Amino acid sequence: MLGRMGEKYDPFKVLISTILSARAKDEVTEILAEKLFEKYDTAEKLARAKQKDVIPIIKKIGFYNAKSKNIIETAKILVEKYGGRVPDTLEQLTELPGVGRKVANCVLVYAYKKDAIPVDIHVHRISNRLGWVKTKTPEETEKTLEKILPKKHWQAINDALVTHGKTICAPVSPWCSKCPIAKHCKRTGVVRSR
């Protein structure tokens, strides 16, 4: 999704889109984020928004009540604490409502081109399946990948594994027969494949 955004390096749009993207399809998030930004394209505008006006725009996304509240509150904090700018540190970003490590790392990578590893369900699953890590949580996966991957690959690993996870390395019955890296995969947790 982030690689397809029209203004993919706008920190505000990356932040808000990524908050909205949790447990949502990229295609839906992209369409609804663009509609949201037609009306609220700055932190200042979104900070003044009423939740009842934001909900109809993002209602097709799951958890729209919580997400609408979080993005408005985040915008208010951006205006009050950062002069409308999106912070560029993990610590500051994770203080914002609706922003965990994955969202913060996405902002760092896609908006600021900083070295970070956003770990979503695909990155976590595939890193374990390949045998790169033996972790239980995305945060453990992030920390372990930081130790074993050269920094020059940190920014690219999310895109690569998310694409691989959506097209080949499915959670259940992955397409191992089509996988270009199958010979390097330990297939950890794979019970059945195609």
N, C-alpha and C. Protein backbone atom coordinates (compact mmCIF):
# COMPACT_ATOMS: atom_id res chain seq x y z
N MET A 1 0.82 -1.19 0.00
CA MET A 1 0.00 0.00 0.00
C MET A 1 0.86 1.25 0.00
N LEU A 2 1.82 1.34 0.90
CA LEU A 2 2.61 2.55 1.01
C LEU A 2 3.41 2.84 -0.25
N GLY A 3 3.87 1.81 -0.91
CA GLY A 3 4.61 2.00 -2.14
C GLY A 3 3.76 2.55 -3.27
N ARG A 4 2.43 2.46 -3.14
CA ARG A 4 1.53 2.93 -4.20
C ARG A 4 0.91 4.29 -3.89
N MET A 5 1.10 4.81 -2.70
CA MET A 5 0.49 6.08 -2.35
C MET A 5 1.01 7.19 -3.25
N GLY A 6 0.12 8.06 -3.69
CA GLY A 6 0.51 9.15 -4.58
C GLY A 6 1.59 10.02 -3.98
N GLU A 7 1.42 10.42 -2.74
CA GLU A 7 2.43 11.23 -2.06
C GLU A 7 3.03 10.37 -0.95
N LYS A 8 3.71 9.33 -1.36
CA LYS A 8 4.15 8.31 -0.41
C LYS A 8 5.15 8.80 0.62
N TYR A 9 5.77 9.95 0.41
CA TYR A 9 6.76 10.40 1.37
C TYR A 9 6.23 11.49 2.29
N ASP A 10 4.96 11.83 2.20
CA ASP A 10 4.36 12.80 3.11
C ASP A 10 4.18 12.13 4.47
N PRO A 11 4.95 12.54 5.47
CA PRO A 11 4.90 11.86 6.77
C PRO A 11 3.50 11.80 7.38
N PHE A 12 2.72 12.86 7.25
CA PHE A 12 1.37 12.87 7.80
C PHE A 12 0.51 11.81 7.13
N LYS A 13 0.56 11.75 5.81
CA LYS A 13 -0.26 10.77 5.09
C LYS A 13 0.21 9.34 5.35
N VAL A 14 1.51 9.14 5.44
CA VAL A 14 2.02 7.81 5.76
C VAL A 14 1.54 7.39 7.14
N LEU A 15 1.65 8.28 8.12
CA LEU A 15 1.23 7.97 9.49
C LEU A 15 -0.26 7.62 9.55
N ILE A 16 -1.10 8.49 9.03
CA ILE A 16 -2.55 8.27 9.12
C ILE A 16 -2.96 7.03 8.33
N SER A 17 -2.43 6.86 7.13
CA SER A 17 -2.75 5.67 6.32
C SER A 17 -2.35 4.39 7.03
N THR A 18 -1.20 4.40 7.67
CA THR A 18 -0.72 3.20 8.34
C THR A 18 -1.54 2.89 9.58
N ILE A 19 -1.98 3.91 10.30
CA ILE A 19 -2.90 3.67 11.43
C ILE A 19 -4.18 3.03 10.91
N LEU A 20 -4.71 3.54 9.82
CA LEU A 20 -5.95 3.00 9.24
C LEU A 20 -5.77 1.58 8.71
N SER A 21 -4.56 1.22 8.30
CA SER A 21 -4.32 -0.05 7.61
C SER A 21 -4.37 -1.29 8.50
N ALA A 22 -4.30 -1.11 9.80
CA ALA A 22 -4.28 -2.27 10.70
C ALA A 22 -5.51 -3.15 10.46
N ARG A 23 -5.27 -4.42 10.17
CA ARG A 23 -6.31 -5.42 9.92
C ARG A 23 -7.28 -5.01 8.82
N ALA A 24 -6.73 -4.35 7.80
CA ALA A 24 -7.55 -3.94 6.66
C ALA A 24 -6.81 -4.29 5.38
N LYS A 25 -7.56 -4.49 4.32
CA LYS A 25 -6.94 -4.77 3.01
C LYS A 25 -6.33 -3.47 2.47
N ASP A 26 -5.16 -3.60 1.87
CA ASP A 26 -4.47 -2.43 1.34
C ASP A 26 -5.32 -1.65 0.35
N GLU A 27 -6.05 -2.38 -0.50
CA GLU A 27 -6.85 -1.71 -1.52
C GLU A 27 -7.92 -0.83 -0.88
N VAL A 28 -8.56 -1.32 0.17
CA VAL A 28 -9.60 -0.56 0.87
C VAL A 28 -8.98 0.63 1.58
N THR A 29 -7.88 0.38 2.29
CA THR A 29 -7.21 1.46 3.01
C THR A 29 -6.80 2.57 2.06
N GLU A 30 -6.24 2.20 0.93
CA GLU A 30 -5.75 3.20 -0.02
C GLU A 30 -6.89 4.10 -0.52
N ILE A 31 -8.00 3.49 -0.88
CA ILE A 31 -9.15 4.26 -1.38
C ILE A 31 -9.71 5.18 -0.30
N LEU A 32 -9.90 4.64 0.91
CA LEU A 32 -10.49 5.43 1.98
C LEU A 32 -9.53 6.50 2.50
N ALA A 33 -8.24 6.20 2.52
CA ALA A 33 -7.26 7.21 2.94
C ALA A 33 -7.27 8.38 1.96
N GLU A 34 -7.33 8.09 0.67
CA GLU A 34 -7.38 9.17 -0.32
C GLU A 34 -8.63 10.02 -0.13
N LYS A 35 -9.77 9.38 0.16
CA LYS A 35 -11.01 10.15 0.41
C LYS A 35 -10.85 11.01 1.66
N LEU A 36 -10.24 10.44 2.68
CA LEU A 36 -10.01 11.19 3.92
C LEU A 36 -9.12 12.41 3.66
N PHE A 37 -8.06 12.21 2.86
CA PHE A 37 -7.12 13.30 2.60
C PHE A 37 -7.69 14.36 1.67
N GLU A 38 -8.75 14.06 0.94
CA GLU A 38 -9.41 15.09 0.14
C GLU A 38 -9.97 16.18 1.05
N LYS A 39 -10.40 15.78 2.24
CA LYS A 39 -11.00 16.73 3.18
C LYS A 39 -10.03 17.14 4.29
N TYR A 40 -9.20 16.21 4.72
CA TYR A 40 -8.30 16.45 5.86
C TYR A 40 -6.87 16.09 5.46
N ASP A 41 -6.22 16.97 4.71
CA ASP A 41 -4.89 16.64 4.19
C ASP A 41 -3.74 17.16 5.05
N THR A 42 -4.07 17.77 6.19
CA THR A 42 -3.02 18.23 7.11
C THR A 42 -3.43 17.87 8.53
N ALA A 43 -2.45 17.86 9.41
CA ALA A 43 -2.73 17.59 10.83
C ALA A 43 -3.67 18.65 11.39
N GLU A 44 -3.48 19.88 10.97
CA GLU A 44 -4.33 20.96 11.47
C GLU A 44 -5.80 20.74 11.12
N LYS A 45 -6.07 20.35 9.89
CA LYS A 45 -7.45 20.11 9.46
C LYS A 45 -8.05 18.90 10.18
N LEU A 46 -7.29 17.82 10.28
CA LEU A 46 -7.81 16.62 10.95
C LEU A 46 -7.99 16.85 12.44
N ALA A 47 -7.15 17.67 13.04
CA ALA A 47 -7.27 17.97 14.48
C ALA A 47 -8.58 18.69 14.79
N ARG A 48 -9.09 19.44 13.83
CA ARG A 48 -10.36 20.17 14.02
C ARG A 48 -11.58 19.34 13.65
N ALA A 49 -11.35 18.16 13.09
CA ALA A 49 -12.47 17.32 12.63
C ALA A 49 -13.26 16.76 13.80
N LYS A 50 -14.51 16.48 13.53
CA LYS A 50 -15.36 15.79 14.50
C LYS A 50 -15.41 14.33 14.09
N GLN A 51 -15.44 13.46 15.09
CA GLN A 51 -15.44 12.03 14.82
C GLN A 51 -16.63 11.64 13.95
N LYS A 52 -17.79 12.28 14.18
CA LYS A 52 -18.99 11.96 13.40
C LYS A 52 -18.83 12.31 11.92
N ASP A 53 -17.88 13.19 11.60
CA ASP A 53 -17.63 13.54 10.20
C ASP A 53 -16.57 12.63 9.56
N VAL A 54 -15.70 12.06 10.38
CA VAL A 54 -14.64 11.18 9.88
C VAL A 54 -15.16 9.75 9.68
N ILE A 55 -16.01 9.30 10.59
CA ILE A 55 -16.50 7.91 10.53
C ILE A 55 -17.11 7.54 9.17
N PRO A 56 -18.01 8.36 8.60
CA PRO A 56 -18.58 7.95 7.30
C PRO A 56 -17.53 7.76 6.20
N ILE A 57 -16.42 8.47 6.29
CA ILE A 57 -15.38 8.37 5.27
C ILE A 57 -14.62 7.05 5.40
N ILE A 58 -14.39 6.60 6.63
CA ILE A 58 -13.55 5.40 6.83
C ILE A 58 -14.35 4.18 7.30
N LYS A 59 -15.67 4.26 7.23
CA LYS A 59 -16.53 3.22 7.81
C LYS A 59 -16.30 1.82 7.23
N LYS A 60 -15.78 1.71 6.02
CA LYS A 60 -15.55 0.38 5.43
C LYS A 60 -14.31 -0.31 6.00
N ILE A 61 -13.57 0.40 6.83
CA ILE A 61 -12.39 -0.19 7.48
C ILE A 61 -12.83 -0.72 8.84
N GLY A 62 -12.35 -1.88 9.21
CA GLY A 62 -12.66 -2.42 10.53
C GLY A 62 -12.15 -1.51 11.64
N PHE A 63 -12.84 -1.57 12.76
CA PHE A 63 -12.47 -0.78 13.95
C PHE A 63 -12.50 0.73 13.67
N TYR A 64 -13.43 1.14 12.81
CA TYR A 64 -13.48 2.55 12.40
C TYR A 64 -13.73 3.51 13.55
N ASN A 65 -14.47 3.08 14.58
CA ASN A 65 -14.68 3.97 15.74
C ASN A 65 -13.36 4.29 16.43
N ALA A 66 -12.61 3.25 16.76
CA ALA A 66 -11.33 3.44 17.44
C ALA A 66 -10.34 4.17 16.54
N LYS A 67 -10.31 3.80 15.28
CA LYS A 67 -9.35 4.42 14.36
C LYS A 67 -9.67 5.89 14.13
N SER A 68 -10.95 6.24 14.00
CA SER A 68 -11.30 7.65 13.80
C SER A 68 -10.91 8.47 15.03
N LYS A 69 -11.15 7.91 16.20
CA LYS A 69 -10.76 8.60 17.45
C LYS A 69 -9.24 8.76 17.50
N ASN A 70 -8.52 7.69 17.18
CA ASN A 70 -7.05 7.73 17.24
C ASN A 70 -6.44 8.72 16.26
N ILE A 71 -6.94 8.75 15.02
CA ILE A 71 -6.32 9.65 14.05
C ILE A 71 -6.60 11.12 14.37
N ILE A 72 -7.78 11.40 14.90
CA ILE A 72 -8.09 12.78 15.30
C ILE A 72 -7.23 13.18 16.49
N GLU A 73 -7.13 12.31 17.48
CA GLU A 73 -6.31 12.59 18.66
C GLU A 73 -4.84 12.72 18.28
N THR A 74 -4.38 11.86 17.40
CA THR A 74 -3.00 11.94 16.92
C THR A 74 -2.76 13.29 16.24
N ALA A 75 -3.68 13.71 15.40
CA ALA A 75 -3.55 15.00 14.71
C ALA A 75 -3.49 16.14 15.72
N LYS A 76 -4.30 16.08 16.75
CA LYS A 76 -4.28 17.12 17.79
C LYS A 76 -2.91 17.18 18.47
N ILE A 77 -2.36 16.02 18.79
CA ILE A 77 -1.04 15.97 19.43
C ILE A 77 0.03 16.50 18.48
N LEU A 78 -0.06 16.14 17.21
CA LEU A 78 0.90 16.64 16.23
C LEU A 78 0.89 18.16 16.19
N VAL A 79 -0.31 18.74 16.23
CA VAL A 79 -0.43 20.20 16.18
C VAL A 79 0.08 20.83 17.47
N GLU A 80 -0.39 20.30 18.62
CA GLU A 80 -0.06 20.90 19.91
C GLU A 80 1.40 20.70 20.32
N LYS A 81 1.93 19.52 20.07
CA LYS A 81 3.26 19.18 20.58
C LYS A 81 4.37 19.33 19.54
N TYR A 82 4.03 19.17 18.25
CA TYR A 82 5.06 19.15 17.22
C TYR A 82 4.84 20.19 16.12
N GLY A 83 3.95 21.15 16.35
CA GLY A 83 3.73 22.19 15.35
C GLY A 83 3.17 21.67 14.03
N GLY A 84 2.43 20.55 14.10
CA GLY A 84 1.82 19.97 12.91
C GLY A 84 2.71 18.98 12.18
N ARG A 85 3.94 18.84 12.62
CA ARG A 85 4.88 17.91 11.98
C ARG A 85 4.80 16.53 12.63
N VAL A 86 5.13 15.52 11.86
CA VAL A 86 5.18 14.15 12.36
C VAL A 86 6.59 13.91 12.89
N PRO A 87 6.71 13.44 14.14
CA PRO A 87 8.05 13.19 14.68
C PRO A 87 8.76 12.08 13.91
N ASP A 88 10.07 12.05 14.05
CA ASP A 88 10.85 11.07 13.29
C ASP A 88 11.69 10.15 14.18
N THR A 89 11.18 9.89 15.38
CA THR A 89 11.84 8.90 16.24
C THR A 89 10.81 7.86 16.69
N LEU A 90 11.27 6.65 16.89
CA LEU A 90 10.40 5.56 17.34
C LEU A 90 9.74 5.93 18.66
N GLU A 91 10.50 6.50 19.56
CA GLU A 91 9.99 6.83 20.89
C GLU A 91 8.84 7.84 20.81
N GLN A 92 9.02 8.90 20.04
CA GLN A 92 7.98 9.92 19.92
C GLN A 92 6.76 9.38 19.17
N LEU A 93 7.00 8.63 18.13
CA LEU A 93 5.88 8.08 17.34
C LEU A 93 5.03 7.13 18.16
N THR A 94 5.65 6.26 18.95
CA THR A 94 4.87 5.27 19.71
C THR A 94 4.12 5.88 20.89
N GLU A 95 4.31 7.16 21.14
CA GLU A 95 3.50 7.85 22.15
C GLU A 95 2.16 8.30 21.58
N LEU A 96 2.02 8.26 20.27
CA LEU A 96 0.78 8.71 19.62
C LEU A 96 -0.29 7.62 19.68
N PRO A 97 -1.57 8.00 19.82
CA PRO A 97 -2.65 7.01 19.87
C PRO A 97 -2.72 6.18 18.60
N GLY A 98 -2.83 4.87 18.77
CA GLY A 98 -2.95 3.97 17.62
C GLY A 98 -1.63 3.65 16.94
N VAL A 99 -0.52 4.10 17.53
CA VAL A 99 0.79 3.89 16.92
C VAL A 99 1.63 2.94 17.78
N GLY A 100 1.83 1.75 17.25
CA GLY A 100 2.75 0.80 17.87
C GLY A 100 4.04 0.77 17.07
N ARG A 101 4.86 -0.21 17.34
CA ARG A 101 6.17 -0.30 16.70
C ARG A 101 6.06 -0.46 15.18
N LYS A 102 5.10 -1.26 14.71
CA LYS A 102 4.98 -1.47 13.26
C LYS A 102 4.65 -0.17 12.55
N VAL A 103 3.64 0.53 13.05
CA VAL A 103 3.24 1.80 12.43
C VAL A 103 4.40 2.80 12.49
N ALA A 104 5.03 2.90 13.65
CA ALA A 104 6.15 3.83 13.81
C ALA A 104 7.28 3.50 12.84
N ASN A 105 7.62 2.23 12.74
CA ASN A 105 8.69 1.84 11.82
C ASN A 105 8.31 2.08 10.36
N CYS A 106 7.04 1.91 10.02
CA CYS A 106 6.59 2.24 8.65
C CYS A 106 6.81 3.72 8.37
N VAL A 107 6.47 4.58 9.32
CA VAL A 107 6.69 6.02 9.14
C VAL A 107 8.17 6.31 8.97
N LEU A 108 9.00 5.69 9.81
CA LEU A 108 10.44 5.92 9.72
C LEU A 108 10.99 5.50 8.35
N VAL A 109 10.55 4.34 7.86
CA VAL A 109 11.06 3.82 6.58
C VAL A 109 10.47 4.58 5.39
N TYR A 110 9.14 4.69 5.33
CA TYR A 110 8.49 5.20 4.12
C TYR A 110 8.42 6.72 4.05
N ALA A 111 8.38 7.39 5.19
CA ALA A 111 8.31 8.86 5.18
C ALA A 111 9.68 9.50 5.33
N TYR A 112 10.53 8.89 6.15
CA TYR A 112 11.82 9.51 6.46
C TYR A 112 13.03 8.76 5.92
N LYS A 113 12.80 7.60 5.28
CA LYS A 113 13.90 6.80 4.72
C LYS A 113 14.96 6.46 5.78
N LYS A 114 14.49 6.23 7.00
CA LYS A 114 15.40 5.82 8.08
C LYS A 114 15.46 4.30 8.14
N ASP A 115 16.55 3.79 8.65
CA ASP A 115 16.71 2.35 8.78
C ASP A 115 15.86 1.83 9.93
N ALA A 116 14.89 1.01 9.60
CA ALA A 116 14.01 0.37 10.59
C ALA A 116 13.41 -0.85 9.91
N ILE A 117 12.84 -1.74 10.71
CA ILE A 117 12.21 -2.94 10.16
C ILE A 117 10.77 -3.00 10.65
N PRO A 118 9.81 -2.58 9.81
CA PRO A 118 8.41 -2.75 10.18
C PRO A 118 8.05 -4.24 10.11
N VAL A 119 7.58 -4.78 11.22
CA VAL A 119 7.24 -6.21 11.25
C VAL A 119 5.73 -6.36 11.38
N ASP A 120 5.11 -6.80 10.29
CA ASP A 120 3.69 -7.14 10.33
C ASP A 120 3.58 -8.66 10.37
N ILE A 121 2.38 -9.16 10.20
CA ILE A 121 2.14 -10.61 10.29
C ILE A 121 2.92 -11.38 9.22
N HIS A 122 3.05 -10.80 8.02
CA HIS A 122 3.79 -11.47 6.95
C HIS A 122 5.28 -11.57 7.28
N VAL A 123 5.87 -10.47 7.70
CA VAL A 123 7.30 -10.45 8.04
C VAL A 123 7.57 -11.41 9.19
N HIS A 124 6.71 -11.40 10.19
CA HIS A 124 6.87 -12.29 11.35
C HIS A 124 6.77 -13.76 10.92
N ARG A 125 5.71 -14.09 10.18
CA ARG A 125 5.48 -15.47 9.76
C ARG A 125 6.61 -15.99 8.87
N ILE A 126 6.96 -15.22 7.85
CA ILE A 126 7.94 -15.69 6.88
C ILE A 126 9.34 -15.76 7.48
N SER A 127 9.69 -14.82 8.33
CA SER A 127 11.00 -14.87 8.98
C SER A 127 11.14 -16.14 9.82
N ASN A 128 10.06 -16.52 10.49
CA ASN A 128 10.07 -17.77 11.27
C ASN A 128 10.06 -18.98 10.34
N ARG A 129 9.25 -18.94 9.30
CA ARG A 129 9.13 -20.07 8.37
C ARG A 129 10.46 -20.35 7.68
N LEU A 130 11.18 -19.31 7.31
CA LEU A 130 12.48 -19.46 6.66
C LEU A 130 13.55 -19.99 7.62
N GLY A 131 13.27 -19.86 8.92
CA GLY A 131 14.25 -20.27 9.91
C GLY A 131 15.24 -19.17 10.28
N TRP A 132 14.96 -17.95 9.85
CA TRP A 132 15.83 -16.83 10.20
C TRP A 132 15.74 -16.52 11.68
N VAL A 133 14.52 -16.66 12.22
CA VAL A 133 14.26 -16.36 13.63
C VAL A 133 13.43 -17.48 14.23
N LYS A 134 13.42 -17.54 15.53
CA LYS A 134 12.52 -18.43 16.27
C LYS A 134 11.88 -17.55 17.34
N THR A 135 10.85 -16.83 16.94
CA THR A 135 10.25 -15.83 17.82
C THR A 135 8.75 -16.03 17.94
N LYS A 136 8.21 -15.48 19.00
CA LYS A 136 6.77 -15.59 19.27
C LYS A 136 6.02 -14.30 18.94
N THR A 137 6.71 -13.16 18.98
CA THR A 137 6.03 -11.88 18.79
C THR A 137 6.71 -11.07 17.69
N PRO A 138 5.96 -10.15 17.07
CA PRO A 138 6.57 -9.27 16.07
C PRO A 138 7.75 -8.45 16.63
N GLU A 139 7.64 -8.00 17.87
CA GLU A 139 8.75 -7.22 18.45
C GLU A 139 10.01 -8.08 18.59
N GLU A 140 9.85 -9.33 19.00
CA GLU A 140 11.01 -10.24 19.07
C GLU A 140 11.60 -10.44 17.67
N THR A 141 10.72 -10.58 16.68
CA THR A 141 11.18 -10.75 15.30
C THR A 141 11.96 -9.52 14.86
N GLU A 142 11.43 -8.34 15.13
CA GLU A 142 12.11 -7.10 14.76
C GLU A 142 13.51 -7.04 15.37
N LYS A 143 13.60 -7.30 16.66
CA LYS A 143 14.89 -7.23 17.37
C LYS A 143 15.89 -8.25 16.81
N THR A 144 15.40 -9.47 16.53
CA THR A 144 16.29 -10.51 16.00
C THR A 144 16.74 -10.18 14.58
N LEU A 145 15.81 -9.71 13.75
CA LEU A 145 16.18 -9.34 12.38
C LEU A 145 17.20 -8.20 12.38
N GLU A 146 17.06 -7.27 13.31
CA GLU A 146 18.03 -6.17 13.41
C GLU A 146 19.44 -6.70 13.68
N LYS A 147 19.52 -7.81 14.39
CA LYS A 147 20.83 -8.40 14.72
C LYS A 147 21.43 -9.18 13.55
N ILE A 148 20.57 -9.80 12.73
CA ILE A 148 21.11 -10.70 11.69
C ILE A 148 21.12 -10.12 10.28
N LEU A 149 20.29 -9.11 10.02
CA LEU A 149 20.25 -8.52 8.68
C LEU A 149 21.17 -7.30 8.60
N PRO A 150 21.95 -7.19 7.55
CA PRO A 150 22.73 -5.97 7.37
C PRO A 150 21.78 -4.77 7.27
N LYS A 151 22.17 -3.66 7.87
CA LYS A 151 21.32 -2.47 7.90
C LYS A 151 20.87 -2.02 6.51
N LYS A 152 21.71 -2.26 5.52
CA LYS A 152 21.36 -1.81 4.16
C LYS A 152 20.11 -2.51 3.63
N HIS A 153 19.68 -3.61 4.26
CA HIS A 153 18.48 -4.33 3.82
C HIS A 153 17.25 -4.05 4.68
N TRP A 154 17.41 -3.31 5.75
CA TRP A 154 16.29 -3.08 6.66
C TRP A 154 15.10 -2.44 5.98
N GLN A 155 15.32 -1.40 5.20
CA GLN A 155 14.21 -0.67 4.59
C GLN A 155 13.47 -1.52 3.56
N ALA A 156 14.14 -2.44 2.92
CA ALA A 156 13.52 -3.23 1.84
C ALA A 156 12.84 -4.50 2.33
N ILE A 157 13.19 -4.98 3.50
CA ILE A 157 12.71 -6.30 3.93
C ILE A 157 11.19 -6.35 4.10
N ASN A 158 10.59 -5.28 4.58
CA ASN A 158 9.14 -5.26 4.76
C ASN A 158 8.43 -5.42 3.43
N ASP A 159 8.76 -4.60 2.46
CA ASP A 159 8.13 -4.70 1.13
C ASP A 159 8.31 -6.09 0.54
N ALA A 160 9.53 -6.60 0.62
CA ALA A 160 9.83 -7.90 0.01
C ALA A 160 9.01 -9.02 0.65
N LEU A 161 8.99 -9.07 1.98
CA LEU A 161 8.29 -10.17 2.65
C LEU A 161 6.77 -10.00 2.62
N VAL A 162 6.29 -8.78 2.66
CA VAL A 162 4.83 -8.56 2.56
C VAL A 162 4.35 -9.01 1.18
N THR A 163 5.04 -8.62 0.14
CA THR A 163 4.67 -9.04 -1.21
C THR A 163 4.74 -10.56 -1.33
N HIS A 164 5.80 -11.14 -0.82
CA HIS A 164 5.97 -12.60 -0.85
C HIS A 164 4.85 -13.30 -0.07
N GLY A 165 4.48 -12.74 1.07
CA GLY A 165 3.42 -13.32 1.89
C GLY A 165 2.05 -13.24 1.27
N LYS A 166 1.81 -12.20 0.50
CA LYS A 166 0.50 -12.04 -0.15
C LYS A 166 0.38 -12.86 -1.42
N THR A 167 1.49 -13.16 -2.06
CA THR A 167 1.43 -13.84 -3.36
C THR A 167 1.84 -15.30 -3.33
N ILE A 168 2.77 -15.67 -2.47
CA ILE A 168 3.31 -17.04 -2.48
C ILE A 168 3.26 -17.71 -1.11
N CYS A 169 3.79 -17.04 -0.12
CA CYS A 169 3.97 -17.67 1.19
C CYS A 169 2.77 -17.40 2.10
N ALA A 170 1.63 -17.95 1.70
CA ALA A 170 0.38 -17.76 2.44
C ALA A 170 0.47 -18.37 3.83
N PRO A 171 -0.37 -17.90 4.76
CA PRO A 171 -0.34 -18.45 6.12
C PRO A 171 -0.65 -19.95 6.15
N VAL A 172 -1.63 -20.36 5.34
CA VAL A 172 -2.02 -21.77 5.26
C VAL A 172 -1.78 -22.23 3.83
N SER A 173 -1.19 -23.37 3.66
CA SER A 173 -0.94 -23.96 2.35
C SER A 173 -0.22 -23.01 1.39
N PRO A 174 1.02 -22.64 1.74
CA PRO A 174 1.78 -21.74 0.86
C PRO A 174 2.12 -22.41 -0.46
N TRP A 175 2.43 -21.60 -1.45
CA TRP A 175 2.78 -22.07 -2.80
C TRP A 175 4.27 -22.39 -2.86
N CYS A 176 4.71 -23.38 -2.13
CA CYS A 176 6.13 -23.75 -2.11
C CYS A 176 6.63 -24.16 -3.48
N SER A 177 5.74 -24.74 -4.30
CA SER A 177 6.13 -25.18 -5.65
C SER A 177 6.48 -24.00 -6.57
N LYS A 178 5.98 -22.80 -6.24
CA LYS A 178 6.25 -21.61 -7.04
C LYS A 178 7.29 -20.69 -6.39
N CYS A 179 7.74 -21.05 -5.21
CA CYS A 179 8.57 -20.15 -4.42
C CYS A 179 10.01 -20.09 -4.94
N PRO A 180 10.48 -18.88 -5.26
CA PRO A 180 11.84 -18.74 -5.77
C PRO A 180 12.92 -18.97 -4.71
N ILE A 181 12.54 -18.97 -3.45
CA ILE A 181 13.52 -19.19 -2.38
C ILE A 181 13.26 -20.48 -1.61
N ALA A 182 12.47 -21.37 -2.18
CA ALA A 182 12.09 -22.62 -1.50
C ALA A 182 13.30 -23.43 -1.05
N LYS A 183 14.35 -23.46 -1.84
CA LYS A 183 15.51 -24.28 -1.48
C LYS A 183 16.25 -23.72 -0.26
N HIS A 184 15.95 -22.48 0.12
CA HIS A 184 16.58 -21.86 1.29
C HIS A 184 15.65 -21.84 2.50
N CYS A 185 14.47 -22.41 2.35
CA CYS A 185 13.43 -22.32 3.39
C CYS A 185 13.39 -23.58 4.24
N LYS A 186 13.32 -23.37 5.56
CA LYS A 186 13.21 -24.51 6.48
C LYS A 186 11.77 -24.99 6.61
N ARG A 187 10.82 -24.21 6.06
CA ARG A 187 9.39 -24.58 6.08
C ARG A 187 8.87 -24.79 7.50
N THR A 188 9.40 -24.04 8.45
CA THR A 188 8.97 -24.14 9.83
C THR A 188 7.47 -23.87 9.94
N GLY A 189 6.75 -24.81 10.51
CA GLY A 189 5.32 -24.66 10.71
C GLY A 189 4.46 -24.99 9.51
N VAL A 190 5.06 -25.34 8.39
CA VAL A 190 4.29 -25.67 7.19
C VAL A 190 3.82 -27.12 7.29
N VAL A 191 2.51 -27.31 7.35
CA VAL A 191 1.93 -28.64 7.44
C VAL A 191 1.59 -29.15 6.04
N ARG A 192 1.07 -28.24 5.23
CA ARG A 192 0.64 -28.59 3.88
C ARG A 192 1.00 -27.44 2.95
N SER A 193 1.45 -27.77 1.76
CA SER A 193 1.77 -26.72 0.79
C SER A 193 1.27 -27.14 -0.59
N ARG A 194 1.29 -26.18 -1.48
CA ARG A 194 0.87 -26.44 -2.86
C ARG A 194 2.10 -26.43 -3.75
